[in-house]
Amino acid sequence: MSLKTNAARILDQSKLHYELKEYTVDESDLSAISVAQKVGLPIEQVYKTLVVRGDKTGVIVACIQGDRELHLKALATLSGNKKVEVVSLKEVQPLTGYIRGGVSPVGMKKQYPVFIDSDIKSQEKIAVSAGLRGLQLFLSPRDLISVTKAQLGEISTEL
């Protein structure tokens, strides 16, 4: 595939193994559950990237399993904040360089602290957005943690 996003270029520079998988985007359903079905992975292996603002640290990024909810209090504690809140949709692109449904934890226009739910360690392979709607990165959790310099913690809750 000749399509290279910032995320893919960073993984190339880091000499990390990954695969890119294209899928058809449904603008009316950008959910991780829909993406999982289209790329042929169980939802436990598809991670969504959420952009959050802490009252002390400013912008941070959370990466959680696609069918789970972000536990804001747990993320606040882990990140050294009293409280965190998800940024508004209109702020996502200016902050990250990515549009909703295409936010990758890798290759944002600014390097923000990344927090990944610790359940990721139970997976052999995961998928995250490659930085475009309709394109997923398949890689090992270890490589995602390494390239994002992420901290792990229990930051998601079951739906």
Protein backbone atom coordinates (compact mmCIF):
# COMPACT_ATOMS: atom_id res chain seq x y z
CA MET A 1 0.00 0.00 0.00
CA SER A 2 1.45 3.36 -0.99
CA LEU A 3 -0.57 5.40 1.49
CA LYS A 4 1.70 6.59 4.31
CA THR A 5 0.42 8.61 7.23
CA ASN A 6 2.52 10.39 9.87
CA ALA A 7 1.86 7.44 12.16
CA ALA A 8 3.17 4.95 9.59
CA ARG A 9 6.26 7.08 8.89
CA ILE A 10 7.06 7.24 12.62
CA LEU A 11 6.73 3.44 12.92
CA ASP A 12 9.01 3.06 9.86
CA GLN A 13 11.61 5.38 11.43
CA SER A 14 11.41 3.37 14.66
CA LYS A 15 11.84 0.15 12.63
CA LEU A 16 8.68 -1.30 14.18
CA HIS A 17 6.58 -3.92 12.41
CA TYR A 18 3.01 -2.99 11.50
CA GLU A 19 0.37 -3.59 8.86
CA LEU A 20 -1.99 -1.05 7.32
CA LYS A 21 -5.55 -2.18 6.68
CA GLU A 22 -8.03 -0.12 4.67
CA TYR A 23 -11.76 -0.27 5.24
CA THR A 24 -14.85 1.49 3.90
CA VAL A 25 -15.93 4.40 6.09
CA ASP A 26 -19.57 4.86 7.03
CA GLU A 27 -19.87 8.55 8.04
CA SER A 28 -22.99 7.73 10.06
CA ASP A 29 -21.15 5.11 12.16
CA LEU A 30 -17.55 5.91 13.10
CA SER A 31 -17.67 3.61 16.14
CA ALA A 32 -14.83 1.27 17.01
CA ILE A 33 -17.33 -1.61 16.92
CA SER A 34 -18.07 -0.84 13.26
CA VAL A 35 -14.33 -0.56 12.50
CA ALA A 36 -13.64 -3.91 14.21
CA GLN A 37 -16.23 -5.63 12.01
CA LYS A 38 -14.80 -4.05 8.85
CA VAL A 39 -11.16 -4.95 9.59
CA GLY A 40 -12.01 -8.45 10.84
CA LEU A 41 -10.79 -8.17 14.42
CA PRO A 42 -12.64 -8.80 17.67
CA ILE A 43 -13.52 -5.53 19.42
CA GLU A 44 -11.09 -6.41 22.25
CA GLN A 45 -8.25 -5.78 19.78
CA VAL A 46 -9.47 -2.45 18.39
CA TYR A 47 -8.44 0.57 20.45
CA LYS A 48 -9.89 4.06 20.19
CA THR A 49 -7.98 7.25 20.84
CA LEU A 50 -9.60 9.97 22.94
CA VAL A 51 -8.26 13.49 23.43
CA VAL A 52 -8.72 14.80 26.95
CA ARG A 53 -7.75 17.93 28.90
CA GLY A 54 -6.56 17.77 32.49
CA ASP A 55 -6.92 20.66 34.92
CA LYS A 56 -3.18 20.51 35.74
CA THR A 57 -1.44 18.91 32.75
CA GLY A 58 -3.45 20.25 29.84
CA VAL A 59 -4.04 17.98 26.84
CA ILE A 60 -3.45 14.24 27.22
CA VAL A 61 -4.41 11.25 25.12
CA ALA A 62 -6.18 8.08 26.23
CA CYS A 63 -6.22 4.84 24.29
CA ILE A 64 -8.85 2.29 25.35
CA GLN A 65 -10.56 -0.81 24.04
CA GLY A 66 -13.16 0.14 21.45
CA ASP A 67 -16.24 -1.09 23.30
CA ARG A 68 -15.37 0.51 26.63
CA GLU A 69 -15.91 3.88 28.26
CA LEU A 70 -13.11 6.10 29.50
CA HIS A 71 -13.06 6.26 33.31
CA LEU A 72 -12.36 9.97 33.75
CA LYS A 73 -11.56 9.80 37.49
CA ALA A 74 -9.09 6.94 36.98
CA LEU A 75 -7.37 8.80 34.15
CA ALA A 76 -7.24 11.99 36.23
CA THR A 77 -5.55 10.13 39.10
CA LEU A 78 -3.09 8.33 36.80
CA SER A 79 -2.17 11.53 34.95
CA GLY A 80 -1.73 13.72 38.05
CA ASN A 81 -4.89 15.77 37.52
CA LYS A 82 -7.82 16.46 39.84
CA LYS A 83 -10.19 16.17 36.90
CA VAL A 84 -10.09 15.55 33.16
CA GLU A 85 -12.68 16.07 30.46
CA VAL A 86 -12.90 15.02 26.84
CA VAL A 87 -12.14 17.96 24.54
CA SER A 88 -14.86 19.22 22.22
CA LEU A 89 -15.00 17.83 18.69
CA LYS A 90 -14.08 21.21 17.21
CA GLU A 91 -10.80 21.12 19.17
CA VAL A 92 -9.71 17.64 18.05
CA GLN A 93 -8.26 18.55 14.64
CA PRO A 94 -6.47 21.77 15.73
CA LEU A 95 -4.88 19.92 18.67
CA THR A 96 -3.93 16.66 16.94
CA GLY A 97 -3.89 17.29 13.20
CA TYR A 98 -6.38 14.42 12.85
CA ILE A 99 -10.13 14.42 12.25
CA ARG A 100 -12.71 12.59 14.37
CA GLY A 101 -12.69 8.92 13.45
CA GLY A 102 -9.07 9.16 12.35
CA VAL A 103 -7.20 10.14 15.52
CA SER A 104 -4.09 8.04 16.00
CA PRO A 105 -2.11 7.95 19.25
CA VAL A 106 0.99 8.05 16.99
CA GLY A 107 2.11 11.07 14.96
CA MET A 108 -0.04 13.88 16.32
CA LYS A 109 1.14 17.35 15.41
CA LYS A 110 2.25 17.81 19.03
CA GLN A 111 3.54 15.09 21.37
CA TYR A 112 1.02 14.75 24.19
CA PRO A 113 1.30 12.36 27.15
CA VAL A 114 -0.38 9.05 26.21
CA PHE A 115 -2.18 6.77 28.66
CA ILE A 116 -3.22 3.29 27.55
CA ASP A 117 -5.57 0.99 29.39
CA SER A 118 -3.52 -1.80 30.97
CA ASP A 119 -5.81 -4.48 29.48
CA ILE A 120 -3.89 -3.96 26.23
CA LYS A 121 -1.15 -6.25 27.61
CA SER A 122 -3.47 -9.26 27.21
CA GLN A 123 -3.57 -8.81 23.42
CA GLU A 124 -1.05 -10.17 20.94
CA LYS A 125 -2.02 -7.68 18.22
CA ILE A 126 -4.14 -4.54 18.32
CA ALA A 127 -5.46 -2.00 15.84
CA VAL A 128 -5.51 1.79 16.20
CA SER A 129 -6.30 4.48 13.68
CA ALA A 130 -3.46 5.12 11.28
CA GLY A 131 -4.33 8.80 11.14
CA LEU A 132 -7.02 8.67 8.46
CA ARG A 133 -10.59 7.52 8.49
CA GLY A 134 -10.66 4.20 6.70
CA LEU A 135 -7.13 3.15 7.64
CA GLN A 136 -6.06 1.10 10.68
CA LEU A 137 -2.60 0.23 11.98
CA PHE A 138 -2.18 -3.36 13.19
CA LEU A 139 0.75 -3.69 15.58
CA SER A 140 1.80 -5.25 18.86
CA PRO A 141 0.76 -3.52 22.09
CA ARG A 142 4.41 -3.47 23.15
CA ASP A 143 5.35 -1.50 20.02
CA LEU A 144 2.48 0.97 20.49
CA ILE A 145 3.52 1.55 24.11
CA SER A 146 7.15 1.97 23.05
CA VAL A 147 6.53 4.43 20.21
CA THR A 148 4.10 6.59 22.21
CA LYS A 149 6.09 6.30 25.46
CA ALA A 150 2.72 5.58 27.05
CA GLN A 151 1.91 4.96 30.67
CA LEU A 152 -0.37 2.04 31.49
CA GLY A 153 -3.22 2.04 33.96
CA GLU A 154 -6.79 0.95 34.53
CA ILE A 155 -8.56 3.78 32.73
CA SER A 156 -11.53 2.09 31.11
CA THR A 157 -14.73 0.58 32.37
CA GLU A 158 -17.08 -1.97 30.85
CA LEU A 159 -20.13 -0.66 29.05
